[in-house]
Amino acid sequence: MAAPNYGYEKRQKELAKKKKKEEKLRDKAMRKLSPSADGLAPGDPETDVASLERDAPTVPDLPTKNG
């Protein structure tokens, strides 16, 4: 009976891991470049970071300990 080739198995695992990582990076880049699937464009207030920085959310003032 032949002995298992652990080096080959390890290399195959490494290749699969590398391929998966590249696919994730590619998918992430595609999501960054294309508009979201929700139909929200980059200029929408829900997704536009600049509009969130300009228009701070209104939060009611909470009473403090001293008054």
PDB file of N, CA and C in Angstrom:
ATOM      1  N   MET A   1       0.844  -1.180   0.000  1.00  0.00           N
ATOM      2  CA  MET A   1       0.000   0.000   0.000  1.00  0.00           C
ATOM      3  C   MET A   1       0.887   1.241   0.000  1.00  0.00           C
ATOM      4  N   ALA A   2       0.501   2.246  -0.778  1.00  0.00           N
ATOM      5  CA  ALA A   2       1.291   3.469  -0.893  1.00  0.00           C
ATOM      6  C   ALA A   2       1.060   4.371   0.315  1.00  0.00           C
ATOM      7  N   ALA A   3       2.110   5.070   0.689  1.00  0.00           N
ATOM      8  CA  ALA A   3       2.019   6.009   1.811  1.00  0.00           C
ATOM      9  C   ALA A   3       1.319   7.278   1.335  1.00  0.00           C
ATOM     10  N   PRO A   4       0.526   7.904   2.208  1.00  0.00           N
ATOM     11  CA  PRO A   4      -0.160   9.145   1.821  1.00  0.00           C
ATOM     12  C   PRO A   4       0.856  10.261   1.560  1.00  0.00           C
ATOM     13  N   ASN A   5       0.574  11.060   0.560  1.00  0.00           N
ATOM     14  CA  ASN A   5       1.449  12.174   0.205  1.00  0.00           C
ATOM     15  C   ASN A   5       0.907  13.438   0.880  1.00  0.00           C
ATOM     16  N   TYR A   6       1.372  13.682   2.103  1.00  0.00           N
ATOM     17  CA  TYR A   6       0.859  14.803   2.881  1.00  0.00           C
ATOM     18  C   TYR A   6       1.264  16.147   2.280  1.00  0.00           C
ATOM     19  N   GLY A   7       2.428  16.192   1.646  1.00  0.00           N
ATOM     20  CA  GLY A   7       2.869  17.432   1.009  1.00  0.00           C
ATOM     21  C   GLY A   7       1.930  17.849  -0.103  1.00  0.00           C
ATOM     22  N   TYR A   8       1.472  16.878  -0.889  1.00  0.00           N
ATOM     23  CA  TYR A   8       0.532  17.160  -1.975  1.00  0.00           C
ATOM     24  C   TYR A   8      -0.795  17.674  -1.414  1.00  0.00           C
ATOM     25  N   GLU A   9      -1.279  17.007  -0.371  1.00  0.00           N
ATOM     26  CA  GLU A   9      -2.541  17.426   0.234  1.00  0.00           C
ATOM     27  C   GLU A   9      -2.436  18.835   0.802  1.00  0.00           C
ATOM     28  N   LYS A  10      -1.313  19.125   1.435  1.00  0.00           N
ATOM     29  CA  LYS A  10      -1.118  20.447   2.015  1.00  0.00           C
ATOM     30  C   LYS A  10      -1.096  21.511   0.912  1.00  0.00           C
ATOM     31  N   ARG A  11      -0.402  21.224  -0.171  1.00  0.00           N
ATOM     32  CA  ARG A  11      -0.319  22.173  -1.286  1.00  0.00           C
ATOM     33  C   ARG A  11      -1.695  22.415  -1.891  1.00  0.00           C
ATOM     34  N   GLN A  12      -2.498  21.364  -2.020  1.00  0.00           N
ATOM     35  CA  GLN A  12      -3.840  21.517  -2.565  1.00  0.00           C
ATOM     36  C   GLN A  12      -4.702  22.391  -1.651  1.00  0.00           C
ATOM     37  N   LYS A  13      -4.558  22.212  -0.340  1.00  0.00           N
ATOM     38  CA  LYS A  13      -5.298  23.047   0.617  1.00  0.00           C
ATOM     39  C   LYS A  13      -4.877  24.501   0.485  1.00  0.00           C
ATOM     40  N   GLU A  14      -3.555  24.724   0.370  1.00  0.00           N
ATOM     41  CA  GLU A  14      -3.056  26.088   0.238  1.00  0.00           C
ATOM     42  C   GLU A  14      -3.567  26.742  -1.037  1.00  0.00           C
ATOM     43  N   LEU A  15      -3.568  26.004  -2.138  1.00  0.00           N
ATOM     44  CA  LEU A  15      -4.071  26.539  -3.401  1.00  0.00           C
ATOM     45  C   LEU A  15      -5.557  26.885  -3.315  1.00  0.00           C
ATOM     46  N   ALA A  16      -6.327  26.009  -2.675  1.00  0.00           N
ATOM     47  CA  ALA A  16      -7.760  26.265  -2.517  1.00  0.00           C
ATOM     48  C   ALA A  16      -7.993  27.496  -1.648  1.00  0.00           C
ATOM     49  N   LYS A  17      -7.206  27.632  -0.595  1.00  0.00           N
ATOM     50  CA  LYS A  17      -7.330  28.776   0.301  1.00  0.00           C
ATOM     51  C   LYS A  17      -6.980  30.072  -0.438  1.00  0.00           C
ATOM     52  N   LYS A  18      -5.902  30.031  -1.236  1.00  0.00           N
ATOM     53  CA  LYS A  18      -5.488  31.200  -2.011  1.00  0.00           C
ATOM     54  C   LYS A  18      -6.558  31.590  -3.029  1.00  0.00           C
ATOM     55  N   LYS A  19      -7.139  30.592  -3.702  1.00  0.00           N
ATOM     56  CA  LYS A  19      -8.179  30.850  -4.696  1.00  0.00           C
ATOM     57  C   LYS A  19      -9.405  31.487  -4.041  1.00  0.00           C
ATOM     58  N   LYS A  20      -9.797  30.970  -2.888  1.00  0.00           N
ATOM     59  CA  LYS A  20     -10.963  31.499  -2.184  1.00  0.00           C
ATOM     60  C   LYS A  20     -10.715  32.948  -1.757  1.00  0.00           C
ATOM     61  N   LYS A  21      -9.491  33.226  -1.284  1.00  0.00           N
ATOM     62  CA  LYS A  21      -9.156  34.575  -0.855  1.00  0.00           C
ATOM     63  C   LYS A  21      -9.206  35.544  -2.033  1.00  0.00           C
ATOM     64  N   GLU A  22      -8.674  35.123  -3.183  1.00  0.00           N
ATOM     65  CA  GLU A  22      -8.707  35.967  -4.377  1.00  0.00           C
ATOM     66  C   GLU A  22     -10.140  36.230  -4.826  1.00  0.00           C
ATOM     67  N   GLU A  23     -10.988  35.215  -4.759  1.00  0.00           N
ATOM     68  CA  GLU A  23     -12.386  35.392  -5.134  1.00  0.00           C
ATOM     69  C   GLU A  23     -13.083  36.385  -4.214  1.00  0.00           C
ATOM     70  N   LYS A  24     -12.796  36.300  -2.919  1.00  0.00           N
ATOM     71  CA  LYS A  24     -13.399  37.221  -1.967  1.00  0.00           C
ATOM     72  C   LYS A  24     -12.957  38.651  -2.250  1.00  0.00           C
ATOM     73  N   LEU A  25     -11.657  38.820  -2.546  1.00  0.00           N
ATOM     74  CA  LEU A  25     -11.158  40.157  -2.847  1.00  0.00           C
ATOM     75  C   LEU A  25     -11.782  40.696  -4.127  1.00  0.00           C
ATOM     76  N   ARG A  26     -11.945  39.840  -5.130  1.00  0.00           N
ATOM     77  CA  ARG A  26     -12.551  40.245  -6.390  1.00  0.00           C
ATOM     78  C   ARG A  26     -14.007  40.640  -6.161  1.00  0.00           C
ATOM     79  N   ASP A  27     -14.738  39.839  -5.388  1.00  0.00           N
ATOM     80  CA  ASP A  27     -16.140  40.155  -5.097  1.00  0.00           C
ATOM     81  C   ASP A  27     -16.256  41.473  -4.337  1.00  0.00           C
ATOM     82  N   LYS A  28     -15.343  41.680  -3.391  1.00  0.00           N
ATOM     83  CA  LYS A  28     -15.363  42.903  -2.604  1.00  0.00           C
ATOM     84  C   LYS A  28     -15.121  44.110  -3.493  1.00  0.00           C
ATOM     85  N   ALA A  29     -14.178  43.989  -4.422  1.00  0.00           N
ATOM     86  CA  ALA A  29     -13.889  45.085  -5.346  1.00  0.00           C
ATOM     87  C   ALA A  29     -15.090  45.360  -6.246  1.00  0.00           C
ATOM     88  N   MET A  30     -15.760  44.310  -6.700  1.00  0.00           N
ATOM     89  CA  MET A  30     -16.936  44.492  -7.557  1.00  0.00           C
ATOM     90  C   MET A  30     -18.065  45.183  -6.791  1.00  0.00           C
ATOM     91  N   ARG A  31     -18.261  44.818  -5.543  1.00  0.00           N
ATOM     92  CA  ARG A  31     -19.299  45.464  -4.737  1.00  0.00           C
ATOM     93  C   ARG A  31     -18.969  46.936  -4.526  1.00  0.00           C
ATOM     94  N   LYS A  32     -17.680  47.230  -4.370  1.00  0.00           N
ATOM     95  CA  LYS A  32     -17.263  48.608  -4.144  1.00  0.00           C
ATOM     96  C   LYS A  32     -17.492  49.463  -5.396  1.00  0.00           C
ATOM     97  N   LEU A  33     -17.271  48.881  -6.568  1.00  0.00           N
ATOM     98  CA  LEU A  33     -17.399  49.628  -7.820  1.00  0.00           C
ATOM     99  C   LEU A  33     -18.835  49.765  -8.294  1.00  0.00           C
ATOM    100  N   SER A  34     -19.649  48.736  -8.088  1.00  0.00           N
ATOM    101  CA  SER A  34     -21.016  48.769  -8.587  1.00  0.00           C
ATOM    102  C   SER A  34     -21.980  49.232  -7.505  1.00  0.00           C
ATOM    103  N   PRO A  35     -23.111  49.834  -7.907  1.00  0.00           N
ATOM    104  CA  PRO A  35     -24.113  50.230  -6.913  1.00  0.00           C
ATOM    105  C   PRO A  35     -24.700  49.001  -6.218  1.00  0.00           C
ATOM    106  N   SER A  36     -25.227  49.229  -5.061  1.00  0.00           N
ATOM    107  CA  SER A  36     -25.753  48.118  -4.277  1.00  0.00           C
ATOM    108  C   SER A  36     -26.987  47.507  -4.923  1.00  0.00           C
ATOM    109  N   ALA A  37     -27.300  46.290  -4.532  1.00  0.00           N
ATOM    110  CA  ALA A  37     -28.438  45.568  -5.094  1.00  0.00           C
ATOM    111  C   ALA A  37     -29.773  46.142  -4.602  1.00  0.00           C
ATOM    112  N   ASP A  38     -29.735  46.954  -3.543  1.00  0.00           N
ATOM    113  CA  ASP A  38     -30.961  47.525  -2.994  1.00  0.00           C
ATOM    114  C   ASP A  38     -31.509  48.625  -3.886  1.00  0.00           C
ATOM    115  N   GLY A  39     -30.728  49.063  -4.866  1.00  0.00           N
ATOM    116  CA  GLY A  39     -31.163  50.143  -5.722  1.00  0.00           C
ATOM    117  C   GLY A  39     -30.787  51.499  -5.174  1.00  0.00           C
ATOM    118  N   LEU A  40     -29.995  51.530  -4.127  1.00  0.00           N
ATOM    119  CA  LEU A  40     -29.565  52.791  -3.555  1.00  0.00           C
ATOM    120  C   LEU A  40     -28.322  53.265  -4.303  1.00  0.00           C
ATOM    121  N   ALA A  41     -28.367  54.457  -4.811  1.00  0.00           N
ATOM    122  CA  ALA A  41     -27.231  55.026  -5.528  1.00  0.00           C
ATOM    123  C   ALA A  41     -26.281  55.662  -4.524  1.00  0.00           C
ATOM    124  N   PRO A  42     -25.036  55.932  -4.922  1.00  0.00           N
ATOM    125  CA  PRO A  42     -24.082  56.550  -4.004  1.00  0.00           C
ATOM    126  C   PRO A  42     -24.527  57.902  -3.475  1.00  0.00           C
ATOM    127  N   GLY A  43     -25.391  58.614  -4.171  1.00  0.00           N
ATOM    128  CA  GLY A  43     -25.856  59.914  -3.710  1.00  0.00           C
ATOM    129  C   GLY A  43     -27.013  59.851  -2.730  1.00  0.00           C
ATOM    130  N   ASP A  44     -27.572  58.677  -2.505  1.00  0.00           N
ATOM    131  CA  ASP A  44     -28.696  58.544  -1.584  1.00  0.00           C
ATOM    132  C   ASP A  44     -28.256  58.826  -0.146  1.00  0.00           C
ATOM    133  N   PRO A  45     -29.094  59.474   0.637  1.00  0.00           N
ATOM    134  CA  PRO A  45     -28.727  59.777   2.019  1.00  0.00           C
ATOM    135  C   PRO A  45     -28.438  58.529   2.848  1.00  0.00           C
ATOM    136  N   GLU A  46     -29.073  57.409   2.511  1.00  0.00           N
ATOM    137  CA  GLU A  46     -28.846  56.195   3.291  1.00  0.00           C
ATOM    138  C   GLU A  46     -27.428  55.658   3.108  1.00  0.00           C
ATOM    139  N   THR A  47     -26.832  55.923   1.948  1.00  0.00           N
ATOM    140  CA  THR A  47     -25.517  55.367   1.663  1.00  0.00           C
ATOM    141  C   THR A  47     -24.431  56.419   1.570  1.00  0.00           C
ATOM    142  N   ASP A  48     -24.784  57.683   1.497  1.00  0.00           N
ATOM    143  CA  ASP A  48     -23.809  58.743   1.302  1.00  0.00           C
ATOM    144  C   ASP A  48     -23.217  59.166   2.639  1.00  0.00           C
ATOM    145  N   VAL A  49     -21.949  58.891   2.836  1.00  0.00           N
ATOM    146  CA  VAL A  49     -21.278  59.213   4.087  1.00  0.00           C
ATOM    147  C   VAL A  49     -21.170  60.719   4.259  1.00  0.00           C
ATOM    148  N   ALA A  50     -20.949  61.440   3.176  1.00  0.00           N
ATOM    149  CA  ALA A  50     -20.811  62.888   3.266  1.00  0.00           C
ATOM    150  C   ALA A  50     -22.087  63.524   3.794  1.00  0.00           C
ATOM    151  N   SER A  51     -23.246  63.024   3.374  1.00  0.00           N
ATOM    152  CA  SER A  51     -24.495  63.602   3.865  1.00  0.00           C
ATOM    153  C   SER A  51     -24.698  63.286   5.345  1.00  0.00           C
ATOM    154  N   LEU A  52     -24.204  62.141   5.784  1.00  0.00           N
ATOM    155  CA  LEU A  52     -24.311  61.809   7.204  1.00  0.00           C
ATOM    156  C   LEU A  52     -23.421  62.724   8.034  1.00  0.00           C
ATOM    157  N   GLU A  53     -22.263  63.102   7.485  1.00  0.00           N
ATOM    158  CA  GLU A  53     -21.372  63.999   8.209  1.00  0.00           C
ATOM    159  C   GLU A  53     -21.938  65.404   8.264  1.00  0.00           C
ATOM    160  N   ARG A  54     -22.611  65.841   7.189  1.00  0.00           N
ATOM    161  CA  ARG A  54     -23.211  67.179   7.163  1.00  0.00           C
ATOM    162  C   ARG A  54     -24.405  67.251   8.093  1.00  0.00           C
ATOM    163  N   ASP A  55     -25.301  66.305   7.968  1.00  0.00           N
ATOM    164  CA  ASP A  55     -26.547  66.314   8.726  1.00  0.00           C
ATOM    165  C   ASP A  55     -26.428  65.320   9.873  1.00  0.00           C
ATOM    166  N   ALA A  56     -25.992  65.820  11.002  1.00  0.00           N
ATOM    167  CA  ALA A  56     -25.849  64.936  12.158  1.00  0.00           C
ATOM    168  C   ALA A  56     -27.230  64.447  12.581  1.00  0.00           C
ATOM    169  N   PRO A  57     -27.334  63.192  13.001  1.00  0.00           N
ATOM    170  CA  PRO A  57     -28.637  62.683  13.438  1.00  0.00           C
ATOM    171  C   PRO A  57     -29.101  63.414  14.690  1.00  0.00           C
ATOM    172  N   THR A  58     -30.386  63.633  14.746  1.00  0.00           N
ATOM    173  CA  THR A  58     -30.939  64.323  15.908  1.00  0.00           C
ATOM    174  C   THR A  58     -31.208  63.316  17.007  1.00  0.00           C
ATOM    175  N   VAL A  59     -30.619  63.584  18.165  1.00  0.00           N
ATOM    176  CA  VAL A  59     -30.784  62.708  19.313  1.00  0.00           C
ATOM    177  C   VAL A  59     -31.337  63.570  20.439  1.00  0.00           C
ATOM    178  N   PRO A  60     -32.410  63.151  21.058  1.00  0.00           N
ATOM    179  CA  PRO A  60     -32.964  63.968  22.157  1.00  0.00           C
ATOM    180  C   PRO A  60     -31.956  64.045  23.307  1.00  0.00           C
ATOM    181  N   ASP A  61     -31.937  65.214  23.942  1.00  0.00           N
ATOM    182  CA  ASP A  61     -31.044  65.396  25.082  1.00  0.00           C
ATOM    183  C   ASP A  61     -31.544  64.564  26.245  1.00  0.00           C
ATOM    184  N   LEU A  62     -30.635  63.841  26.841  1.00  0.00           N
ATOM    185  CA  LEU A  62     -30.978  63.011  27.991  1.00  0.00           C
ATOM    186  C   LEU A  62     -30.630  63.759  29.272  1.00  0.00           C
ATOM    187  N   PRO A  63     -31.427  63.596  30.278  1.00  0.00           N
ATOM    188  CA  PRO A  63     -31.096  64.274  31.539  1.00  0.00           C
ATOM    189  C   PRO A  63     -29.794  63.713  32.114  1.00  0.00           C
ATOM    190  N   THR A  64     -29.019  64.597  32.707  1.00  0.00           N
ATOM    191  CA  THR A  64     -27.765  64.172  33.327  1.00  0.00           C
ATOM    192  C   THR A  64     -27.989  63.893  34.804  1.00  0.00           C
ATOM    193  N   LYS A  65     -26.970  63.363  35.444  1.00  0.00           N
ATOM    194  CA  LYS A  65     -27.070  63.068  36.884  1.00  0.00           C
ATOM    195  C   LYS A  65     -27.322  64.327  37.696  1.00  0.00           C
ATOM    196  N   ASN A  66     -26.624  65.410  37.328  1.00  0.00           N
ATOM    197  CA  ASN A  66     -26.671  66.623  38.135  1.00  0.00           C
ATOM    198  C   ASN A  66     -27.854  67.534  37.803  1.00  0.00           C
ATOM    199  N   GLY A  67     -28.607  67.202  36.832  1.00  0.00           N
ATOM    200  CA  GLY A  67     -29.689  68.131  36.591  1.00  0.00           C
ATOM    201  C   GLY A  67     -30.552  67.748  35.533  1.00  0.00           C
TER     202      GLY A  67
END
